[in-house]
Amino acid sequence: MPSEKNCSLTIAGTEEEVTKVAVRHAIEDHGHQDSPELQEQVRSMLKDEA
């Protein structure tokens, strides 16, 4: 997600693992509320590892 805190966190793993950790990070460190929309937004930003 675009970050107002200039967050540079990178997470690697399966789609399920990355989504779970990224959503938790968004909630705990950036103040987002857990929702299906947040989870979908996180999934839409995933990129395959090069």
PDB file of N, CA and C in Angstrom:
ATOM      1  N   MET A   1       0.837  -1.166   0.000  1.00  0.00           N
ATOM      2  CA  MET A   1       0.000   0.000   0.000  1.00  0.00           C
ATOM      3  C   MET A   1       0.885   1.234   0.000  1.00  0.00           C
ATOM      4  N   PRO A   2       0.449   2.250  -0.631  1.00  0.00           N
ATOM      5  CA  PRO A   2       1.205   3.496  -0.520  1.00  0.00           C
ATOM      6  C   PRO A   2       1.273   3.888   0.947  1.00  0.00           C
ATOM      7  N   SER A   3       2.419   4.316   1.374  1.00  0.00           N
ATOM      8  CA  SER A   3       2.629   4.574   2.787  1.00  0.00           C
ATOM      9  C   SER A   3       2.987   6.016   3.063  1.00  0.00           C
ATOM     10  N   GLU A   4       2.268   6.612   3.986  1.00  0.00           N
ATOM     11  CA  GLU A   4       2.608   7.958   4.425  1.00  0.00           C
ATOM     12  C   GLU A   4       3.840   7.921   5.317  1.00  0.00           C
ATOM     13  N   LYS A   5       4.191   6.753   5.829  1.00  0.00           N
ATOM     14  CA  LYS A   5       5.344   6.587   6.713  1.00  0.00           C
ATOM     15  C   LYS A   5       6.589   6.181   5.941  1.00  0.00           C
ATOM     16  N   ASN A   6       6.504   6.147   4.602  1.00  0.00           N
ATOM     17  CA  ASN A   6       7.620   5.706   3.774  1.00  0.00           C
ATOM     18  C   ASN A   6       8.117   4.333   4.197  1.00  0.00           C
ATOM     19  N   CYS A   7       7.202   3.425   4.432  1.00  0.00           N
ATOM     20  CA  CYS A   7       7.517   2.067   4.856  1.00  0.00           C
ATOM     21  C   CYS A   7       8.244   1.343   3.723  1.00  0.00           C
ATOM     22  N   SER A   8       9.306   0.654   4.066  1.00  0.00           N
ATOM     23  CA  SER A   8      10.087  -0.059   3.056  1.00  0.00           C
ATOM     24  C   SER A   8      10.055  -1.579   3.272  1.00  0.00           C
ATOM     25  N   LEU A   9       9.102  -2.065   4.053  1.00  0.00           N
ATOM     26  CA  LEU A   9       9.012  -3.480   4.362  1.00  0.00           C
ATOM     27  C   LEU A   9       8.787  -4.304   3.097  1.00  0.00           C
ATOM     28  N   THR A  10       9.507  -5.410   2.993  1.00  0.00           N
ATOM     29  CA  THR A  10       9.313  -6.379   1.918  1.00  0.00           C
ATOM     30  C   THR A  10       8.989  -7.720   2.555  1.00  0.00           C
ATOM     31  N   ILE A  11       7.975  -8.388   2.028  1.00  0.00           N
ATOM     32  CA  ILE A  11       7.548  -9.679   2.562  1.00  0.00           C
ATOM     33  C   ILE A  11       7.578 -10.689   1.422  1.00  0.00           C
ATOM     34  N   ALA A  12       8.127 -11.872   1.668  1.00  0.00           N
ATOM     35  CA  ALA A  12       8.185 -12.914   0.646  1.00  0.00           C
ATOM     36  C   ALA A  12       7.555 -14.180   1.194  1.00  0.00           C
ATOM     37  N   GLY A  13       6.952 -14.955   0.310  1.00  0.00           N
ATOM     38  CA  GLY A  13       6.355 -16.224   0.690  1.00  0.00           C
ATOM     39  C   GLY A  13       5.222 -16.558  -0.246  1.00  0.00           C
ATOM     40  N   THR A  14       4.367 -17.468   0.187  1.00  0.00           N
ATOM     41  CA  THR A  14       3.205 -17.817  -0.619  1.00  0.00           C
ATOM     42  C   THR A  14       2.206 -16.666  -0.565  1.00  0.00           C
ATOM     43  N   GLU A  15       1.265 -16.658  -1.498  1.00  0.00           N
ATOM     44  CA  GLU A  15       0.252 -15.599  -1.510  1.00  0.00           C
ATOM     45  C   GLU A  15      -0.492 -15.549  -0.170  1.00  0.00           C
ATOM     46  N   GLU A  16      -0.836 -16.686   0.359  1.00  0.00           N
ATOM     47  CA  GLU A  16      -1.555 -16.748   1.631  1.00  0.00           C
ATOM     48  C   GLU A  16      -0.702 -16.185   2.771  1.00  0.00           C
ATOM     49  N   GLU A  17       0.574 -16.592   2.832  1.00  0.00           N
ATOM     50  CA  GLU A  17       1.471 -16.109   3.894  1.00  0.00           C
ATOM     51  C   GLU A  17       1.677 -14.595   3.803  1.00  0.00           C
ATOM     52  N   VAL A  18       1.960 -14.139   2.606  1.00  0.00           N
ATOM     53  CA  VAL A  18       2.236 -12.718   2.419  1.00  0.00           C
ATOM     54  C   VAL A  18       0.999 -11.882   2.741  1.00  0.00           C
ATOM     55  N   THR A  19      -0.151 -12.319   2.277  1.00  0.00           N
ATOM     56  CA  THR A  19      -1.380 -11.568   2.550  1.00  0.00           C
ATOM     57  C   THR A  19      -1.636 -11.476   4.046  1.00  0.00           C
ATOM     58  N   LYS A  20      -1.505 -12.579   4.740  1.00  0.00           N
ATOM     59  CA  LYS A  20      -1.746 -12.610   6.190  1.00  0.00           C
ATOM     60  C   LYS A  20      -0.808 -11.652   6.927  1.00  0.00           C
ATOM     61  N   VAL A  21       0.471 -11.721   6.615  1.00  0.00           N
ATOM     62  CA  VAL A  21       1.452 -10.878   7.307  1.00  0.00           C
ATOM     63  C   VAL A  21       1.297  -9.410   6.903  1.00  0.00           C
ATOM     64  N   ALA A  22       1.043  -9.154   5.637  1.00  0.00           N
ATOM     65  CA  ALA A  22       0.904  -7.773   5.170  1.00  0.00           C
ATOM     66  C   ALA A  22      -0.340  -7.110   5.764  1.00  0.00           C
ATOM     67  N   VAL A  23      -1.434  -7.851   5.857  1.00  0.00           N
ATOM     68  CA  VAL A  23      -2.645  -7.294   6.466  1.00  0.00           C
ATOM     69  C   VAL A  23      -2.390  -6.999   7.941  1.00  0.00           C
ATOM     70  N   ARG A  24      -1.751  -7.921   8.638  1.00  0.00           N
ATOM     71  CA  ARG A  24      -1.432  -7.700  10.056  1.00  0.00           C
ATOM     72  C   ARG A  24      -0.551  -6.464  10.219  1.00  0.00           C
ATOM     73  N   HIS A  25       0.444  -6.318   9.346  1.00  0.00           N
ATOM     74  CA  HIS A  25       1.329  -5.157   9.390  1.00  0.00           C
ATOM     75  C   HIS A  25       0.544  -3.865   9.137  1.00  0.00           C
ATOM     76  N   ALA A  26      -0.345  -3.879   8.143  1.00  0.00           N
ATOM     77  CA  ALA A  26      -1.142  -2.693   7.823  1.00  0.00           C
ATOM     78  C   ALA A  26      -2.006  -2.274   9.017  1.00  0.00           C
ATOM     79  N   ILE A  27      -2.540  -3.256   9.729  1.00  0.00           N
ATOM     80  CA  ILE A  27      -3.395  -2.973  10.888  1.00  0.00           C
ATOM     81  C   ILE A  27      -2.565  -2.468  12.059  1.00  0.00           C
ATOM     82  N   GLU A  28      -1.525  -3.214  12.415  1.00  0.00           N
ATOM     83  CA  GLU A  28      -0.756  -2.912  13.620  1.00  0.00           C
ATOM     84  C   GLU A  28       0.139  -1.684  13.473  1.00  0.00           C
ATOM     85  N   ASP A  29       0.738  -1.510  12.314  1.00  0.00           N
ATOM     86  CA  ASP A  29       1.722  -0.435  12.163  1.00  0.00           C
ATOM     87  C   ASP A  29       1.203   0.788  11.424  1.00  0.00           C
ATOM     88  N   HIS A  30       0.113   0.626  10.690  1.00  0.00           N
ATOM     89  CA  HIS A  30      -0.382   1.749   9.889  1.00  0.00           C
ATOM     90  C   HIS A  30      -1.814   2.144  10.226  1.00  0.00           C
ATOM     91  N   GLY A  31      -2.435   1.446  11.185  1.00  0.00           N
ATOM     92  CA  GLY A  31      -3.742   1.844  11.681  1.00  0.00           C
ATOM     93  C   GLY A  31      -4.932   1.504  10.796  1.00  0.00           C
ATOM     94  N   HIS A  32      -4.743   0.620   9.826  1.00  0.00           N
ATOM     95  CA  HIS A  32      -5.864   0.211   8.975  1.00  0.00           C
ATOM     96  C   HIS A  32      -6.795  -0.717   9.751  1.00  0.00           C
ATOM     97  N   GLN A  33      -8.037  -0.804   9.313  1.00  0.00           N
ATOM     98  CA  GLN A  33      -9.011  -1.736   9.885  1.00  0.00           C
ATOM     99  C   GLN A  33      -9.053  -2.987   9.022  1.00  0.00           C
ATOM    100  N   ASP A  34      -9.115  -4.158   9.671  1.00  0.00           N
ATOM    101  CA  ASP A  34      -9.206  -5.406   8.917  1.00  0.00           C
ATOM    102  C   ASP A  34     -10.556  -5.467   8.216  1.00  0.00           C
ATOM    103  N   SER A  35     -10.528  -5.801   6.952  1.00  0.00           N
ATOM    104  CA  SER A  35     -11.756  -5.925   6.172  1.00  0.00           C
ATOM    105  C   SER A  35     -11.448  -6.726   4.919  1.00  0.00           C
ATOM    106  N   PRO A  36     -12.473  -7.268   4.296  1.00  0.00           N
ATOM    107  CA  PRO A  36     -12.252  -7.960   3.019  1.00  0.00           C
ATOM    108  C   PRO A  36     -11.634  -7.023   1.983  1.00  0.00           C
ATOM    109  N   GLU A  37     -11.995  -5.747   2.029  1.00  0.00           N
ATOM    110  CA  GLU A  37     -11.443  -4.774   1.088  1.00  0.00           C
ATOM    111  C   GLU A  37      -9.945  -4.595   1.291  1.00  0.00           C
ATOM    112  N   LEU A  38      -9.506  -4.525   2.553  1.00  0.00           N
ATOM    113  CA  LEU A  38      -8.071  -4.395   2.839  1.00  0.00           C
ATOM    114  C   LEU A  38      -7.339  -5.627   2.332  1.00  0.00           C
ATOM    115  N   GLN A  39      -7.878  -6.803   2.597  1.00  0.00           N
ATOM    116  CA  GLN A  39      -7.231  -8.027   2.153  1.00  0.00           C
ATOM    117  C   GLN A  39      -7.137  -8.081   0.631  1.00  0.00           C
ATOM    118  N   GLU A  40      -8.187  -7.660  -0.052  1.00  0.00           N
ATOM    119  CA  GLU A  40      -8.171  -7.649  -1.518  1.00  0.00           C
ATOM    120  C   GLU A  40      -7.187  -6.608  -2.043  1.00  0.00           C
ATOM    121  N   GLN A  41      -7.116  -5.464  -1.385  1.00  0.00           N
ATOM    122  CA  GLN A  41      -6.169  -4.430  -1.807  1.00  0.00           C
ATOM    123  C   GLN A  41      -4.733  -4.947  -1.666  1.00  0.00           C
ATOM    124  N   VAL A  42      -4.453  -5.633  -0.568  1.00  0.00           N
ATOM    125  CA  VAL A  42      -3.121  -6.214  -0.369  1.00  0.00           C
ATOM    126  C   VAL A  42      -2.840  -7.238  -1.473  1.00  0.00           C
ATOM    127  N   ARG A  43      -3.782  -8.140  -1.734  1.00  0.00           N
ATOM    128  CA  ARG A  43      -3.583  -9.158  -2.776  1.00  0.00           C
ATOM    129  C   ARG A  43      -3.324  -8.524  -4.138  1.00  0.00           C
ATOM    130  N   SER A  44      -4.011  -7.436  -4.438  1.00  0.00           N
ATOM    131  CA  SER A  44      -3.870  -6.793  -5.746  1.00  0.00           C
ATOM    132  C   SER A  44      -2.488  -6.163  -5.934  1.00  0.00           C
ATOM    133  N   MET A  45      -1.780  -5.937  -4.833  1.00  0.00           N
ATOM    134  CA  MET A  45      -0.463  -5.311  -4.907  1.00  0.00           C
ATOM    135  C   MET A  45       0.679  -6.334  -4.954  1.00  0.00           C
ATOM    136  N   LEU A  46       0.370  -7.616  -4.809  1.00  0.00           N
ATOM    137  CA  LEU A  46       1.424  -8.643  -4.808  1.00  0.00           C
ATOM    138  C   LEU A  46       2.073  -8.736  -6.173  1.00  0.00           C
ATOM    139  N   LYS A  47       3.377  -8.993  -6.139  1.00  0.00           N
ATOM    140  CA  LYS A  47       4.151  -9.187  -7.361  1.00  0.00           C
ATOM    141  C   LYS A  47       4.913 -10.493  -7.242  1.00  0.00           C
ATOM    142  N   ASP A  48       5.029 -11.197  -8.368  1.00  0.00           N
ATOM    143  CA  ASP A  48       5.833 -12.417  -8.375  1.00  0.00           C
ATOM    144  C   ASP A  48       7.286 -12.064  -8.127  1.00  0.00           C
ATOM    145  N   GLU A  49       7.972 -12.939  -7.394  1.00  0.00           N
ATOM    146  CA  GLU A  49       9.403 -12.731  -7.163  1.00  0.00           C
ATOM    147  C   GLU A  49      10.154 -12.919  -8.475  1.00  0.00           C
ATOM    148  N   ALA A  50      11.153 -12.096  -8.664  1.00  0.00           N
ATOM    149  CA  ALA A  50      11.953 -12.172  -9.910  1.00  0.00           C
ATOM    150  C   ALA A  50      13.007 -13.239  -9.799  1.00  0.00           C
TER     151      ALA A  50
END
